[in-house]
Amino acid sequence: MIAVYSEADAGLPFVAEADDAVLIGPAPAVKSYLNADAILAAAASTGAAAIHPGYGFLAENAAFARQVIRAGLTWVGPSPEAIEQMGDKISARNLMAQAGVPVAPGSSEPVHDADEALAEAKRIGYPVMIKAAAGGGGIGMTVAADDAQLRAGFDTTRTRAERFFGSPSILLERYVASARHVEVQILGLADGRVIALGERDCSAQRRHQKVAEETPSPGVGQALRETMLAAAVRAGEAVGYRGAGTVECLLDTETGRFVFLEMNTRLQVEHPVTEMVTGIDLVEQQLLIADGAEVSFDPAAVHPAGHALELRVYAEDPVRFLPSPGTITEWREPSGPGVRVDAGYAAGRPVAREADRARVRSRRGAQQDAGGGGRLRGERPEDKPRVPCRAAGQRGVRVRQLRHGGSQPVAALAWRSRDDDASRGPTRQPETGTAAAMIDPRPAAGRRASQPAPRAPRPAAGPKGPESGRCA
């Protein structure tokens, strides 16, 4: 695996653990993890054959996907066209409605000013949610219960939309006051089929940011689950989806009805929750599908078992809950059967101002005894089992947990069910990469061993001879 990193991340574990690592720029993301030219130069200088974009930054950037493809590299993700179709919330809503996926009452065209918003709200009915059409991550969303709140919130949301997403387009939707946030993991196969791998409940949020995720959802019965999974498959089929993606929905707890929220055309931070109850390595499947190969499991025989919960740990001031950069003085991880920790930091490492405040995510499968939650604290890091990476099919591709810089949480804990420990749970050791992680497809004998300590920064250089078709 080849990793790329910024100057701020040079001392982090993933740089040392990678088979190779390339410095792509200074700490600001716009000069490193959002610098498409630097990432492509890193791929060229290392003889890479494919680019996996990780969780965010350029992962849902159709222009970058096209650049990768034009450079003769394999893009590990959906087509640029699918990314574009689902990237704008208004066009995505319209497309989903045409595909028979339920959508909330809302605007089918961008709302340009407050007067137009008032007319739309009258048609939709209060309360309404004001959203950035090109947005995500809950940034700038505002609820309005009447005309006065709508006028006050519209300009604020429009300003934030332009500042954060480069587009002032605004969408109005009916606000669901008593809602669960439930998302479905889909996988578009190389042969054109789209399958669903179960749902995740992400209702525990603060400031529209996810704090905990679990599967199965405690608010979804079997009949509703089947309906939601079928709708998610239709959503993927509507855009010819390939690879891993997530269809997010709002479930009205009063009516029992759900509506389409958005589609994330990438791997999500919480994907290991699904991995732990299915035993399916989603990153491995992404690589196989991008290679045009069959997945490593029987798509007709997916049966999630047990219960998995993810908890995110944030680097925040515990009093005001604001981002708190600085040096980590103590780092202790939980461990034990069914526990998975995805972390990009360690004791003595600084949390840079450029990094996202989320640092650790924890997942665990539900235990059968009442005391199962005790492993959240009190255990020593040295007791943590080391799970080897699994190869992807016959290609000798080492698959590792990816990290993409500072826009998402970079570590996690997870649990899996005790009654299924032998067959479920993580299939690779949690490790981290950055914005674009590069996978080395050479057999183990042809790879350099991971380095035990951080290497000296290796700047991106000009192209050199190919090295057995490595992938960026």
Protein backbone atom coordinates (compact mmCIF):
# COMPACT_ATOMS: atom_id res chain seq x y z
CA MET A 1 0.00 0.00 0.00
CA ILE A 2 1.21 3.48 -0.89
CA ALA A 3 -0.05 6.32 1.28
CA VAL A 4 0.00 10.05 0.67
CA TYR A 5 0.29 12.50 3.53
CA SER A 6 0.65 16.17 4.40
CA GLU A 7 3.39 17.74 6.49
CA ALA A 8 1.01 17.82 9.47
CA ASP A 9 0.57 14.03 9.30
CA ALA A 10 4.19 13.02 8.71
CA GLY A 11 4.55 11.45 12.17
CA LEU A 12 1.28 9.54 12.24
CA PRO A 13 1.23 5.72 12.32
CA PHE A 14 -0.20 5.18 8.85
CA VAL A 15 2.87 6.77 7.24
CA ALA A 16 5.18 4.25 8.91
CA GLU A 17 2.84 1.32 8.33
CA ALA A 18 2.47 1.88 4.58
CA ASP A 19 4.74 0.05 2.16
CA ASP A 20 5.55 3.41 0.67
CA ALA A 21 4.48 6.99 1.45
CA VAL A 22 4.67 10.21 -0.49
CA LEU A 23 4.56 13.74 0.92
CA ILE A 24 2.08 15.74 -1.16
CA GLY A 25 2.09 19.15 0.49
CA PRO A 26 1.78 21.32 3.60
CA ALA A 27 -0.88 21.01 6.29
CA PRO A 28 -3.75 22.97 4.67
CA ALA A 29 -5.95 20.44 2.86
CA VAL A 30 -6.27 22.63 -0.23
CA LYS A 31 -2.50 22.32 -0.70
CA SER A 32 -2.33 18.57 -0.02
CA TYR A 33 -5.33 16.26 0.25
CA LEU A 34 -7.39 18.40 -2.13
CA ASN A 35 -4.47 18.85 -4.52
CA ALA A 36 -5.40 16.48 -7.32
CA ASP A 37 -2.21 17.16 -9.29
CA ALA A 38 -0.03 16.26 -6.29
CA ILE A 39 -1.91 13.00 -5.75
CA LEU A 40 -1.64 12.04 -9.41
CA ALA A 41 2.07 12.91 -9.40
CA ALA A 42 2.51 10.62 -6.39
CA ALA A 43 0.77 7.83 -8.27
CA ALA A 44 3.00 8.36 -11.30
CA SER A 45 6.21 8.49 -9.27
CA THR A 46 5.46 5.20 -7.53
CA GLY A 47 4.17 3.31 -10.56
CA ALA A 48 0.68 3.02 -9.09
CA ALA A 49 -2.15 1.46 -11.10
CA ALA A 50 -5.26 2.58 -9.18
CA ILE A 51 -6.42 5.21 -6.72
CA HIS A 52 -8.70 4.61 -3.75
CA PRO A 53 -9.89 8.04 -2.55
CA GLY A 54 -10.79 7.03 1.01
CA TYR A 55 -13.77 8.47 2.86
CA GLY A 56 -13.90 12.12 1.83
CA PHE A 57 -12.07 15.10 0.36
CA LEU A 58 -11.93 14.01 -3.29
CA ALA A 59 -13.92 10.78 -2.85
CA GLU A 60 -17.11 12.37 -4.23
CA ASN A 61 -15.43 14.69 -6.71
CA ALA A 62 -16.45 13.72 -10.24
CA ALA A 63 -13.77 15.94 -11.80
CA PHE A 64 -11.06 14.14 -9.84
CA ALA A 65 -12.47 10.74 -10.83
CA ARG A 66 -12.25 11.79 -14.47
CA GLN A 67 -8.66 12.99 -13.98
CA VAL A 68 -7.73 9.60 -12.54
CA ILE A 69 -9.33 7.76 -15.46
CA ARG A 70 -7.73 10.08 -18.05
CA ALA A 71 -4.35 9.40 -16.45
CA GLY A 72 -4.81 5.71 -17.27
CA LEU A 73 -5.39 4.70 -13.66
CA THR A 74 -8.20 2.64 -12.18
CA TRP A 75 -10.66 4.71 -10.16
CA VAL A 76 -11.84 2.71 -7.14
CA GLY A 77 -15.34 4.11 -6.93
CA PRO A 78 -18.52 4.73 -8.91
CA SER A 79 -18.53 6.42 -12.29
CA PRO A 80 -18.07 10.20 -12.46
CA GLU A 81 -21.59 10.39 -13.90
CA ALA A 82 -23.09 8.64 -10.86
CA ILE A 83 -21.17 10.94 -8.54
CA GLU A 84 -22.56 13.99 -10.36
CA GLN A 85 -26.13 12.69 -10.44
CA MET A 86 -26.21 12.10 -6.70
CA GLY A 87 -24.02 15.04 -5.69
CA ASP A 88 -26.73 17.67 -6.05
CA LYS A 89 -29.57 17.07 -3.59
CA ILE A 90 -32.23 18.52 -5.87
CA SER A 91 -31.33 16.45 -8.93
CA ALA A 92 -30.90 13.39 -6.69
CA ARG A 93 -34.39 13.89 -5.20
CA ASN A 94 -35.92 14.19 -8.66
CA LEU A 95 -34.11 11.11 -9.92
CA MET A 96 -35.14 9.06 -6.89
CA ALA A 97 -38.78 10.06 -7.29
CA GLN A 98 -38.64 8.87 -10.90
CA ALA A 99 -37.15 5.57 -9.71
CA GLY A 100 -39.98 5.00 -7.23
CA VAL A 101 -37.94 5.79 -4.11
CA PRO A 102 -40.00 7.76 -1.53
CA VAL A 103 -38.97 11.41 -1.13
CA ALA A 104 -40.25 14.07 1.27
CA PRO A 105 -42.37 16.94 -0.07
CA GLY A 106 -39.88 19.55 -1.25
CA SER A 107 -38.62 21.80 -4.02
CA SER A 108 -37.82 20.28 -7.41
CA GLU A 109 -35.80 23.33 -8.51
CA PRO A 110 -33.29 25.55 -6.65
CA VAL A 111 -34.89 28.24 -4.49
CA HIS A 112 -33.27 31.57 -5.36
CA ASP A 113 -34.52 34.07 -2.79
CA ALA A 114 -36.54 34.43 0.40
CA ASP A 115 -39.77 35.37 -1.39
CA GLU A 116 -39.55 32.26 -3.54
CA ALA A 117 -38.79 30.24 -0.39
CA LEU A 118 -41.94 31.57 1.28
CA ALA A 119 -44.05 30.47 -1.68
CA GLU A 120 -42.45 27.02 -1.65
CA ALA A 121 -42.95 26.66 2.10
CA LYS A 122 -46.65 27.45 1.68
CA ARG A 123 -46.91 24.66 -0.89
CA ILE A 124 -44.82 22.15 1.13
CA GLY A 125 -46.23 23.01 4.55
CA TYR A 126 -44.35 24.02 7.71
CA PRO A 127 -42.07 23.10 9.34
CA VAL A 128 -39.43 23.01 6.59
CA MET A 129 -35.72 22.26 6.49
CA ILE A 130 -33.52 24.73 4.60
CA LYS A 131 -30.55 22.93 3.00
CA ALA A 132 -27.60 23.60 0.73
CA ALA A 133 -28.35 21.68 -2.47
CA ALA A 134 -24.67 20.85 -2.92
CA GLY A 135 -24.00 20.37 0.77
CA GLY A 136 -23.36 17.54 3.16
CA GLY A 137 -22.35 16.72 6.70
CA GLY A 138 -25.23 18.72 8.15
CA ILE A 139 -23.45 22.01 7.44
CA GLY A 140 -25.77 25.01 7.23
CA MET A 141 -29.07 23.19 7.69
CA THR A 142 -31.78 25.28 9.37
CA VAL A 143 -35.32 24.44 10.51
CA ALA A 144 -38.07 27.03 9.99
CA ALA A 145 -41.48 26.76 11.61
CA ASP A 146 -42.97 29.94 10.15
CA ASP A 147 -42.39 32.76 7.67
CA ALA A 148 -40.23 34.81 10.04
CA GLN A 149 -37.88 31.90 10.78
CA LEU A 150 -37.70 31.06 7.08
CA ARG A 151 -36.65 34.61 6.14
CA ALA A 152 -34.03 34.66 8.90
CA GLY A 153 -32.66 31.20 8.08
CA PHE A 154 -32.65 31.45 4.29
CA ASP A 155 -29.91 34.05 3.95
CA THR A 156 -27.73 32.32 6.56
CA THR A 157 -28.01 28.96 4.83
CA ARG A 158 -27.39 30.49 1.40
CA THR A 159 -24.24 32.25 2.65
CA ARG A 160 -22.90 29.05 4.20
CA ALA A 161 -23.76 27.06 1.09
CA GLU A 162 -21.67 29.36 -1.08
CA ARG A 163 -18.82 29.52 1.43
CA PHE A 164 -18.53 25.79 2.14
CA PHE A 165 -19.72 24.19 -1.09
CA GLY A 166 -19.18 26.82 -3.78
CA SER A 167 -22.86 26.86 -4.74
CA PRO A 168 -25.66 29.10 -3.42
CA SER A 169 -28.40 26.69 -4.51
CA ILE A 170 -30.97 26.09 -1.77
CA LEU A 171 -33.41 23.21 -1.29
CA LEU A 172 -36.52 23.20 0.93
CA GLU A 173 -37.93 19.96 2.32
CA ARG A 174 -40.65 19.08 4.78
CA TYR A 175 -39.02 18.75 8.19
CA VAL A 176 -39.59 15.41 9.93
CA ALA A 177 -39.67 16.25 13.63
CA SER A 178 -39.63 12.70 15.02
CA ALA A 179 -37.17 10.93 12.79
CA ARG A 180 -34.58 8.21 12.83
CA HIS A 181 -31.60 8.52 10.50
CA VAL A 182 -31.31 5.10 8.84
CA GLU A 183 -28.93 4.35 5.99
CA VAL A 184 -28.55 1.30 3.73
CA GLN A 185 -25.20 -0.06 2.58
CA ILE A 186 -25.33 -0.96 -1.11
CA LEU A 187 -22.77 -2.56 -3.37
CA GLY A 188 -22.86 -2.23 -7.15
CA LEU A 189 -21.25 -5.30 -8.69
CA ALA A 190 -19.09 -5.46 -11.80
CA ASP A 191 -21.83 -7.38 -13.67
CA GLY A 192 -24.33 -4.54 -13.19
CA ARG A 193 -26.31 -5.91 -10.26
CA VAL A 194 -26.86 -3.82 -7.13
CA ILE A 195 -27.29 -5.52 -3.76
CA ALA A 196 -28.05 -4.26 -0.24
CA LEU A 197 -26.02 -5.42 2.78
CA GLY A 198 -28.31 -4.22 5.53
CA GLU A 199 -29.00 -0.95 7.33
CA ARG A 200 -27.26 1.20 9.93
CA ASP A 201 -28.99 3.49 12.42
CA CYS A 202 -27.20 6.84 12.76
CA SER A 203 -29.82 8.67 14.82
CA ALA A 204 -27.51 9.58 17.71
CA GLN A 205 -26.15 12.92 16.48
CA ARG A 206 -24.96 16.24 17.81
CA ARG A 207 -25.13 19.34 15.59
CA HIS A 208 -26.10 17.02 12.72
CA GLN A 209 -22.84 15.08 13.20
CA LYS A 210 -23.00 11.33 13.84
CA VAL A 211 -21.87 10.14 17.27
CA ALA A 212 -22.93 6.49 17.26
CA GLU A 213 -23.99 4.02 14.58
CA GLU A 214 -25.46 0.56 14.97
CA THR A 215 -26.90 -2.34 13.04
CA PRO A 216 -29.54 -3.61 12.95
CA SER A 217 -31.57 -0.48 13.60
CA PRO A 218 -33.67 -0.80 16.77
CA GLY A 219 -36.44 1.14 15.03
CA VAL A 220 -36.77 -1.02 11.92
CA GLY A 221 -38.79 -4.26 11.80
CA GLN A 222 -38.27 -6.97 9.23
CA ALA A 223 -41.06 -5.88 6.86
CA LEU A 224 -39.89 -2.26 6.86
CA ARG A 225 -36.28 -3.41 6.48
CA GLU A 226 -37.09 -5.35 3.33
CA THR A 227 -38.91 -2.34 1.89
CA MET A 228 -36.03 0.03 2.68
CA LEU A 229 -33.40 -2.31 1.25
CA ALA A 230 -35.42 -2.75 -1.96
CA ALA A 231 -35.73 1.04 -2.32
CA ALA A 232 -31.97 1.44 -1.81
CA VAL A 233 -31.30 -1.10 -4.54
CA ARG A 234 -33.59 0.86 -6.91
CA ALA A 235 -31.66 4.01 -6.04
CA GLY A 236 -28.37 2.37 -7.00
CA GLU A 237 -29.80 0.90 -10.19
CA ALA A 238 -31.13 4.30 -11.23
CA VAL A 239 -27.57 5.63 -11.63
CA GLY A 240 -25.84 2.40 -12.70
CA TYR A 241 -23.95 2.35 -9.41
CA ARG A 242 -20.67 0.43 -9.02
CA GLY A 243 -18.76 -0.14 -5.80
CA ALA A 244 -19.72 0.72 -2.22
CA GLY A 245 -22.29 3.42 -1.54
CA THR A 246 -24.83 4.43 1.07
CA VAL A 247 -28.46 5.42 0.63
CA GLU A 248 -29.48 7.58 3.59
CA CYS A 249 -33.11 7.88 4.69
CA LEU A 250 -35.24 9.58 7.31
CA LEU A 251 -37.71 7.31 9.08
CA ASP A 252 -40.72 9.04 10.61
CA THR A 253 -41.24 7.27 13.94
CA GLU A 254 -44.86 8.45 14.15
CA THR A 255 -46.03 7.24 10.75
CA GLY A 256 -43.49 4.44 10.12
CA ARG A 257 -42.76 5.86 6.67
CA PHE A 258 -39.32 6.64 5.30
CA VAL A 259 -38.05 9.08 2.70
CA PHE A 260 -34.81 9.40 0.73
CA LEU A 261 -32.34 11.85 2.27
CA GLU A 262 -29.20 11.58 0.12
CA MET A 263 -26.74 9.11 -1.35
CA ASN A 264 -23.08 9.01 -0.42
CA THR A 265 -21.16 7.82 -3.47
CA ARG A 266 -18.21 6.56 -1.45
CA LEU A 267 -17.21 4.31 1.41
CA GLN A 268 -18.42 5.77 4.71
CA VAL A 269 -16.66 6.12 8.03
CA GLU A 270 -19.13 3.74 9.67
CA HIS A 271 -18.79 0.95 7.08
CA PRO A 272 -17.09 -1.44 9.58
CA VAL A 273 -20.41 -1.73 11.42
CA THR A 274 -21.74 -3.57 8.37
CA GLU A 275 -18.51 -5.56 8.00
CA MET A 276 -18.82 -6.87 11.55
CA VAL A 277 -22.26 -8.42 11.08
CA THR A 278 -21.74 -9.72 7.54
CA GLY A 279 -18.09 -10.79 7.60
CA ILE A 280 -17.68 -8.97 4.26
CA ASP A 281 -14.63 -6.76 3.76
CA LEU A 282 -16.07 -3.81 1.85
CA VAL A 283 -12.71 -2.36 0.84
CA GLU A 284 -11.75 -5.71 -0.66
CA GLN A 285 -15.00 -5.74 -2.64
CA GLN A 286 -14.34 -2.18 -3.87
CA LEU A 287 -10.99 -3.29 -5.27
CA LEU A 288 -12.40 -6.43 -6.89
CA ILE A 289 -15.28 -4.54 -8.50
CA ALA A 290 -12.95 -1.81 -9.78
CA ASP A 291 -10.87 -4.60 -11.34
CA GLY A 292 -13.97 -5.99 -13.06
CA ALA A 293 -13.85 -9.16 -10.98
CA GLU A 294 -16.51 -11.03 -9.04
CA VAL A 295 -16.88 -10.28 -5.34
CA SER A 296 -15.47 -12.73 -2.81
CA PHE A 297 -18.85 -13.80 -1.42
CA ASP A 298 -22.16 -15.13 -2.76
CA PRO A 299 -24.36 -12.03 -3.32
CA ALA A 300 -27.47 -14.20 -2.96
CA ALA A 301 -26.44 -15.55 0.44
CA VAL A 302 -25.80 -12.47 2.58
CA HIS A 303 -27.27 -12.97 6.05
CA PRO A 304 -26.24 -10.35 8.64
CA ALA A 305 -25.91 -11.89 12.09
CA GLY A 306 -25.60 -10.32 15.52
CA HIS A 307 -25.47 -6.66 16.45
CA ALA A 308 -22.68 -4.10 16.02
CA LEU A 309 -22.28 -0.66 17.55
CA GLU A 310 -19.84 2.11 16.68
CA LEU A 311 -18.89 4.97 19.00
CA ARG A 312 -16.90 8.00 17.88
CA VAL A 313 -14.46 9.66 20.25
CA TYR A 314 -13.78 13.34 19.58
CA ALA A 315 -10.80 15.55 20.41
CA GLU A 316 -12.91 18.26 22.01
CA ASP A 317 -13.02 20.50 25.02
CA PRO A 318 -15.28 18.44 27.36
CA VAL A 319 -16.91 21.58 28.76
CA ARG A 320 -17.80 23.57 25.63
CA PHE A 321 -17.50 20.71 23.11
CA LEU A 322 -15.31 22.73 20.79
CA PRO A 323 -12.35 21.36 18.79
CA SER A 324 -9.28 21.05 20.99
CA PRO A 325 -5.98 20.64 19.12
CA GLY A 326 -2.82 19.75 21.01
CA THR A 327 -0.59 16.81 21.91
CA ILE A 328 -2.11 13.51 23.03
CA THR A 329 -0.54 12.75 26.42
CA GLU A 330 -2.29 9.44 27.08
CA TRP A 331 -3.85 6.91 24.71
CA ARG A 332 -5.58 3.76 25.92
CA GLU A 333 -7.67 1.52 23.69
CA PRO A 334 -10.31 -1.02 24.73
CA SER A 335 -9.78 -4.60 23.64
CA GLY A 336 -11.25 -8.06 23.89
CA PRO A 337 -13.39 -10.43 21.83
CA GLY A 338 -15.31 -8.64 19.11
CA VAL A 339 -13.68 -5.26 19.68
CA ARG A 340 -12.28 -3.29 16.74
CA VAL A 341 -10.44 0.01 17.00
CA ASP A 342 -9.84 2.22 13.96
CA ALA A 343 -7.38 4.90 15.03
CA GLY A 344 -4.96 7.20 13.26
CA TYR A 345 -3.21 8.59 16.32
CA ALA A 346 -1.13 7.46 19.30
CA ALA A 347 0.26 8.85 22.54
CA GLY A 348 2.67 11.72 21.98
CA ARG A 349 1.22 12.62 18.59
CA PRO A 350 -0.21 16.11 18.05
CA VAL A 351 -3.75 16.79 16.91
CA ALA A 352 -3.20 19.54 14.37
CA ARG A 353 -5.48 22.54 14.00
CA GLU A 354 -6.14 21.46 10.43
CA ALA A 355 -7.50 18.07 11.55
CA ASP A 356 -11.11 17.19 12.21
CA ARG A 357 -12.00 16.97 15.88
CA ALA A 358 -12.98 13.30 15.63
CA ARG A 359 -10.13 10.98 16.41
CA VAL A 360 -11.35 7.55 17.45
CA ARG A 361 -14.26 5.36 16.52
CA SER A 362 -15.18 2.28 18.51
CA ARG A 363 -17.24 -0.68 17.36
CA ARG A 364 -18.34 -3.79 19.12
CA GLY A 365 -20.79 -6.63 18.57
CA ALA A 366 -23.58 -7.00 21.13
CA GLN A 367 -22.82 -9.44 23.94
CA GLN A 368 -25.31 -12.00 25.17
CA ASP A 369 -24.75 -11.22 28.83
CA ALA A 370 -25.78 -8.06 30.66
CA GLY A 371 -22.20 -7.18 31.49
CA GLY A 372 -21.00 -7.14 27.88
CA GLY A 373 -20.43 -3.39 27.86
CA GLY A 374 -17.64 -3.56 30.42
CA ARG A 375 -14.94 -3.73 27.79
CA LEU A 376 -15.43 -0.07 26.95
CA ARG A 377 -12.91 0.78 29.66
CA GLY A 378 -10.19 -0.65 31.82
CA GLU A 379 -8.38 -2.85 29.33
CA ARG A 380 -4.81 -2.49 28.22
CA PRO A 381 -3.79 -1.74 24.63
CA GLU A 382 -1.26 -4.58 24.75
CA ASP A 383 -4.14 -7.03 25.20
CA LYS A 384 -5.63 -6.03 21.85
CA PRO A 385 -5.60 -8.93 19.34
CA ARG A 386 -3.68 -8.27 16.16
CA VAL A 387 -5.73 -9.30 13.13
CA PRO A 388 -3.75 -9.83 9.92
CA CYS A 389 -4.75 -8.16 6.67
CA ARG A 390 -6.61 -10.36 4.23
CA ALA A 391 -5.68 -10.71 0.58
CA ALA A 392 -8.23 -9.77 -2.07
CA GLY A 393 -8.91 -12.90 -4.11
CA GLN A 394 -5.92 -14.30 -5.98
CA ARG A 395 -4.33 -10.92 -6.67
CA GLY A 396 -2.27 -10.58 -3.54
CA VAL A 397 -3.79 -7.18 -2.81
CA ARG A 398 -3.35 -6.19 0.80
CA VAL A 399 -6.46 -4.45 2.07
CA ARG A 400 -6.22 -1.94 4.89
CA GLN A 401 -8.51 0.48 6.62
CA LEU A 402 -8.17 3.86 4.91
CA ARG A 403 -8.09 7.35 6.35
CA HIS A 404 -8.36 10.52 4.32
CA GLY A 405 -6.87 13.31 6.30
CA GLY A 406 -8.91 15.54 8.56
CA SER A 407 -12.46 15.76 7.23
CA GLN A 408 -13.80 12.66 8.95
CA PRO A 409 -13.16 10.74 12.17
CA VAL A 410 -9.90 8.84 11.88
CA ALA A 411 -10.34 6.11 14.45
CA ALA A 412 -13.04 3.81 15.74
CA LEU A 413 -13.97 1.09 18.18
CA ALA A 414 -16.45 -1.63 17.32
CA TRP A 415 -18.03 -4.78 18.69
CA ARG A 416 -19.48 -7.91 17.17
CA SER A 417 -21.73 -10.66 18.49
CA ARG A 418 -20.22 -13.24 20.82
CA ASP A 419 -22.28 -16.03 19.27
CA ASP A 420 -20.66 -15.51 15.89
CA ASP A 421 -17.08 -14.54 16.72
CA ALA A 422 -15.58 -17.25 14.55
CA SER A 423 -17.19 -16.12 11.31
CA ARG A 424 -17.93 -12.41 11.67
CA GLY A 425 -16.11 -9.26 12.43
CA PRO A 426 -13.13 -7.41 11.03
CA THR A 427 -11.14 -9.22 8.38
CA ARG A 428 -8.20 -6.89 8.40
CA GLN A 429 -6.18 -5.09 11.01
CA PRO A 430 -7.44 -1.52 11.47
CA GLU A 431 -4.85 0.73 9.94
CA THR A 432 -4.95 4.16 8.39
CA GLY A 433 -4.05 5.83 5.15
CA THR A 434 -4.84 9.35 3.95
CA ALA A 435 -6.74 11.24 1.28
CA ALA A 436 -5.83 8.83 -1.49
CA ALA A 437 -4.46 5.49 -0.37
CA MET A 438 -2.57 3.35 -2.81
CA ILE A 439 -2.79 -0.42 -2.84
CA ASP A 440 0.19 -2.56 -3.82
CA PRO A 441 -1.02 -5.64 -5.77
CA ARG A 442 2.32 -7.47 -5.75
CA PRO A 443 2.59 -10.83 -3.96
CA ALA A 444 3.91 -10.61 -0.42
CA ALA A 445 7.36 -11.78 -1.48
CA GLY A 446 7.69 -8.82 -3.81
CA ARG A 447 6.72 -6.15 -1.30
CA ARG A 448 8.81 -4.22 1.13
CA ALA A 449 7.92 -4.83 4.75
CA SER A 450 6.13 -2.04 6.61
CA GLN A 451 8.52 0.24 8.42
CA PRO A 452 8.44 0.23 12.23
CA ALA A 453 9.18 3.96 12.51
CA PRO A 454 8.31 7.07 10.48
CA ARG A 455 10.39 7.42 7.35
CA ALA A 456 11.95 10.65 6.13
CA PRO A 457 9.53 12.63 3.97
CA ARG A 458 9.58 11.51 0.36
CA PRO A 459 8.40 14.29 -1.94
CA ALA A 460 6.44 13.57 -5.05
CA ALA A 461 8.78 13.18 -8.00
CA GLY A 462 8.49 12.82 -11.72
CA PRO A 463 7.37 9.58 -13.33
CA LYS A 464 9.63 6.56 -13.09
CA GLY A 465 9.44 3.03 -14.39
CA PRO A 466 6.33 1.02 -13.45
CA GLU A 467 6.67 -1.28 -10.46
CA SER A 468 4.48 -4.33 -11.06
CA GLY A 469 1.31 -2.31 -11.56
CA ARG A 470 1.00 -0.78 -8.12
CA CYS A 471 -2.16 1.13 -7.37
CA ALA A 472 -2.62 4.63 -6.00
